[in-house]
Protein backbone atom coordinates (compact mmCIF):
# COMPACT_ATOMS: atom_id res chain seq x y z
CA LEU A 1 -20.74 2.83 -10.56
CA ARG A 2 -24.12 2.55 -12.17
CA GLU A 3 -25.64 4.79 -9.50
CA LEU A 4 -22.90 7.40 -9.77
CA LEU A 5 -22.51 7.18 -13.53
CA PRO A 6 -25.86 6.27 -15.10
CA ARG A 7 -24.35 6.01 -18.57
CA ALA A 8 -22.21 3.15 -17.26
CA ARG A 9 -25.32 0.95 -17.27
CA GLU A 10 -24.87 0.30 -20.96
CA ALA A 11 -21.11 -0.25 -20.69
CA LYS A 12 -19.82 -3.66 -21.69
CA LEU A 13 -16.46 -5.21 -20.89
CA VAL A 14 -14.62 -5.44 -24.19
CA HIS A 15 -11.30 -6.91 -23.09
CA ALA A 16 -9.73 -8.21 -19.89
CA LEU A 17 -6.33 -9.63 -19.08
CA VAL A 18 -5.24 -11.28 -15.84
CA ILE A 19 -1.52 -11.38 -15.16
CA LYS A 20 -0.14 -13.62 -12.44
CA GLU A 21 3.50 -12.81 -11.78
CA ARG A 22 5.09 -15.63 -9.79
CA PHE A 23 8.17 -13.55 -8.98
CA ALA A 24 6.39 -10.33 -7.95
CA THR A 25 7.11 -10.82 -4.24
CA PHE A 26 10.68 -11.49 -3.27
CA SER A 27 11.82 -13.42 -0.22
CA PRO A 28 14.01 -11.15 1.94
CA ARG A 29 16.48 -12.24 4.59
CA ALA A 30 15.00 -13.04 7.99
CA ASP A 31 16.50 -9.90 9.57
CA ALA A 32 15.35 -7.53 6.79
CA GLU A 33 12.24 -6.47 8.73
CA ASP A 34 14.49 -4.96 11.42
CA ALA A 35 15.89 -2.49 8.88
CA ARG A 36 12.48 -1.19 7.76
CA PRO A 37 11.58 2.14 9.43
CA GLU A 38 8.25 2.90 11.11
CA ALA A 39 5.83 5.49 9.69
CA LEU A 40 6.28 7.77 12.71
CA THR A 41 9.76 9.28 12.86
CA PRO A 42 11.59 11.22 15.60
CA VAL A 43 11.37 14.31 13.37
CA ARG A 44 8.23 16.31 14.18
CA GLY A 45 5.89 16.35 11.18
CA LEU A 46 7.86 13.77 9.18
CA TYR A 47 6.01 10.55 8.40
CA LEU A 48 7.13 7.72 6.15
CA ALA A 49 5.07 5.61 3.79
CA GLY A 50 5.91 3.08 1.12
CA ASP A 51 6.34 -0.62 0.58
CA TRP A 52 9.81 -0.37 2.14
CA THR A 53 8.53 0.71 5.57
CA SER A 54 7.67 -1.59 8.48
CA THR A 55 4.16 -2.92 7.93
CA GLY A 56 4.38 -6.59 8.76
CA LEU A 57 3.69 -7.26 5.09
CA PRO A 58 6.16 -7.90 2.29
CA ALA A 59 7.28 -5.06 0.01
CA THR A 60 4.18 -5.24 -2.19
CA ILE A 61 1.36 -2.91 -3.21
CA GLU A 62 -0.55 -4.16 -0.15
CA GLY A 63 2.37 -3.17 2.07
CA ALA A 64 2.49 0.25 0.44
CA VAL A 65 -1.23 0.82 0.96
CA LYS A 66 -1.05 -0.31 4.59
CA SER A 67 1.87 2.05 5.21
CA GLY A 68 -0.10 4.93 3.72
CA TYR A 69 -3.00 4.24 6.06
CA THR A 70 -0.62 3.96 9.01
CA ALA A 71 1.02 7.30 8.18
CA ALA A 72 -2.36 8.98 7.65
CA GLU A 73 -3.65 7.67 10.98
CA ALA A 74 -0.52 8.96 12.74
CA ILE A 75 -1.04 12.39 11.19
CA LEU A 76 -4.72 12.47 12.15
CA ASP A 77 -3.85 11.37 15.69
CA GLY A 78 -1.49 14.33 15.97
CA GLY A 79 1.68 12.30 15.53
């Protein structure tokens, strides 16, 4: 940031808060993964992304990000 925003060199952190939510990730049933759709669909030009899609990760922000990358790669590969 300091290279891109030189004025940031003088910036000081004034306040920070770390939140650890123990219940942020739920524990789904063992067969729940089977119900999650893939990014690539049978409909030409339709791609899915979101924490609810099949990523191999739980329905978290990480799962959502991974699904976005997967959908973008499918689009760039020509689907």
